């Protein structure tokens, strides 16, 4: 079990297809650590690294930052996605607002905001 930070292990970020792609950007880890510390609650990674094939299979965009290891879809236990989104926007990262989860990414030309 390879720890990437105080709260996160590499396996949490692995592509769901089993291809082995699990390299996540350090700035994304820092944002996740900040979210975890702020809410004092577990952050569940629902989607992170995606190989191009898996990204296409789940309907991701061709330029998805998931394929670069710079994006995560998350849920914070006991915290509404709306609360997570407000806090994450203050971190200077990109935030996608969805009903059941929050997308965060560390794009270079950001931060971007959108609702899905």
Protein backbone atom coordinates (compact mmCIF):
# COMPACT_ATOMS: atom_id res chain seq x y z
CA UNK A 1 0.00 0.00 0.00
CA UNK A 2 1.82 3.08 -1.26
CA UNK A 3 0.90 6.25 0.61
CA UNK A 4 0.94 9.39 -1.52
CA UNK A 5 0.06 11.68 1.37
CA UNK A 6 -1.26 11.52 4.90
CA UNK A 7 -4.72 10.38 3.79
CA UNK A 8 -4.43 8.96 0.27
CA UNK A 9 -2.98 5.80 -1.24
CA UNK A 10 -2.01 5.34 -4.88
CA UNK A 11 -4.62 2.62 -5.47
CA UNK A 12 -7.45 5.14 -4.90
CA UNK A 13 -6.40 6.98 -8.06
CA UNK A 14 -5.97 3.99 -10.39
CA UNK A 15 -7.86 3.76 -13.66
CA UNK A 16 -10.97 1.64 -13.12
CA UNK A 17 -10.25 -0.51 -16.22
CA UNK A 18 -7.28 -2.13 -14.49
CA UNK A 19 -4.66 -0.92 -16.97
CA UNK A 20 -2.36 0.29 -14.19
CA UNK A 21 -2.47 4.05 -14.89
CA UNK A 22 -2.31 5.62 -11.42
CA UNK A 23 -0.03 8.65 -11.63
CA UNK A 24 -1.70 11.67 -10.04
CA UNK A 25 -0.49 15.28 -10.06
CA UNK A 26 0.96 16.53 -6.76
CA UNK A 27 -1.13 19.73 -6.88
CA UNK A 28 -4.27 17.58 -7.06
CA UNK A 29 -3.11 15.63 -3.98
CA UNK A 30 -2.50 18.92 -2.15
CA UNK A 31 -6.04 20.10 -2.96
CA UNK A 32 -7.50 16.81 -1.74
CA UNK A 33 -5.49 17.04 1.49
CA UNK A 34 -6.81 20.56 2.04
CA UNK A 35 -10.40 19.41 1.47
CA UNK A 36 -9.89 16.47 3.85
CA UNK A 37 -8.38 18.68 6.56
CA UNK A 38 -11.00 21.41 6.18
CA UNK A 39 -14.01 19.11 6.52
CA UNK A 40 -12.32 16.61 8.87
CA UNK A 41 -14.05 13.86 6.89
CA UNK A 42 -13.02 11.11 4.50
CA UNK A 43 -12.71 12.09 0.85
CA UNK A 44 -13.86 9.29 -1.46
CA UNK A 45 -12.26 9.28 -4.91
CA UNK A 46 -14.97 8.10 -7.31
CA UNK A 47 -12.91 8.67 -10.48
CA UNK A 48 -9.35 9.86 -10.96
CA UNK A 49 -6.85 8.54 -13.50
CA UNK A 50 -8.35 7.31 -16.76
CA UNK A 51 -6.55 5.82 -19.71
CA UNK A 52 -7.88 7.13 -23.05
CA UNK A 53 -9.89 3.93 -23.64
CA UNK A 54 -11.58 4.01 -20.24
CA UNK A 55 -12.18 7.75 -20.55
CA UNK A 56 -13.99 7.18 -23.85
CA UNK A 57 -15.97 4.28 -22.38
CA UNK A 58 -17.31 6.46 -19.55
CA UNK A 59 -18.13 9.38 -21.86
CA UNK A 60 -15.24 11.65 -20.87
CA UNK A 61 -14.13 14.43 -23.17
CA UNK A 62 -11.12 13.86 -25.42
CA UNK A 63 -9.15 16.54 -23.55
CA UNK A 64 -10.19 15.28 -20.09
CA UNK A 65 -7.64 16.03 -17.40
CA UNK A 66 -8.46 12.62 -15.93
CA UNK A 67 -6.27 11.23 -18.76
CA UNK A 68 -3.38 13.38 -17.52
CA UNK A 69 -3.73 12.47 -13.84
CA UNK A 70 -4.78 16.02 -13.01
CA UNK A 71 -8.47 15.50 -12.12
CA UNK A 72 -10.61 13.72 -9.55
CA UNK A 73 -14.30 13.28 -8.96
CA UNK A 74 -14.91 13.17 -5.23
CA UNK A 75 -17.47 12.87 -2.48
CA UNK A 76 -16.80 13.94 1.10
CA UNK A 77 -18.52 11.79 3.70
CA UNK A 78 -21.24 13.69 5.52
CA UNK A 79 -20.76 16.87 3.44
CA UNK A 80 -22.96 17.99 0.56
CA UNK A 81 -21.36 18.44 -2.85
CA UNK A 82 -22.45 22.10 -2.75
CA UNK A 83 -20.42 22.68 0.43
CA UNK A 84 -17.39 20.93 -1.08
CA UNK A 85 -17.68 22.99 -4.24
CA UNK A 86 -17.72 26.30 -2.37
CA UNK A 87 -14.64 25.37 -0.38
CA UNK A 88 -12.77 23.95 -3.40
CA UNK A 89 -13.35 27.13 -5.40
CA UNK A 90 -11.40 29.00 -2.74
CA UNK A 91 -8.36 26.80 -3.40
CA UNK A 92 -7.78 28.34 -6.83
CA UNK A 93 -8.41 25.07 -8.68
CA UNK A 94 -11.00 24.17 -11.31
CA UNK A 95 -14.32 22.94 -9.93
CA UNK A 96 -17.18 21.21 -11.68
CA UNK A 97 -20.43 21.24 -9.76
CA UNK A 98 -22.60 18.14 -9.95
CA UNK A 99 -25.56 16.98 -7.87
CA UNK A 100 -23.85 13.93 -6.34
CA UNK A 101 -20.14 14.71 -6.56
CA UNK A 102 -17.53 17.40 -7.12
CA UNK A 103 -14.99 17.42 -9.93
CA UNK A 104 -11.67 19.10 -9.18
CA UNK A 105 -8.70 19.57 -11.47
CA UNK A 106 -5.43 21.45 -11.63
CA UNK A 107 -5.44 22.64 -15.23
CA UNK A 108 -2.80 25.16 -16.21
CA UNK A 109 -5.27 27.52 -17.89
CA UNK A 110 -7.66 27.71 -14.96
CA UNK A 111 -9.41 27.90 -12.78
CA UNK A 112 -12.56 26.91 -14.64
CA UNK A 113 -16.07 26.58 -13.22
CA UNK A 114 -19.05 24.67 -14.61
CA UNK A 115 -22.17 22.77 -13.67
CA UNK A 116 -22.90 19.32 -14.99
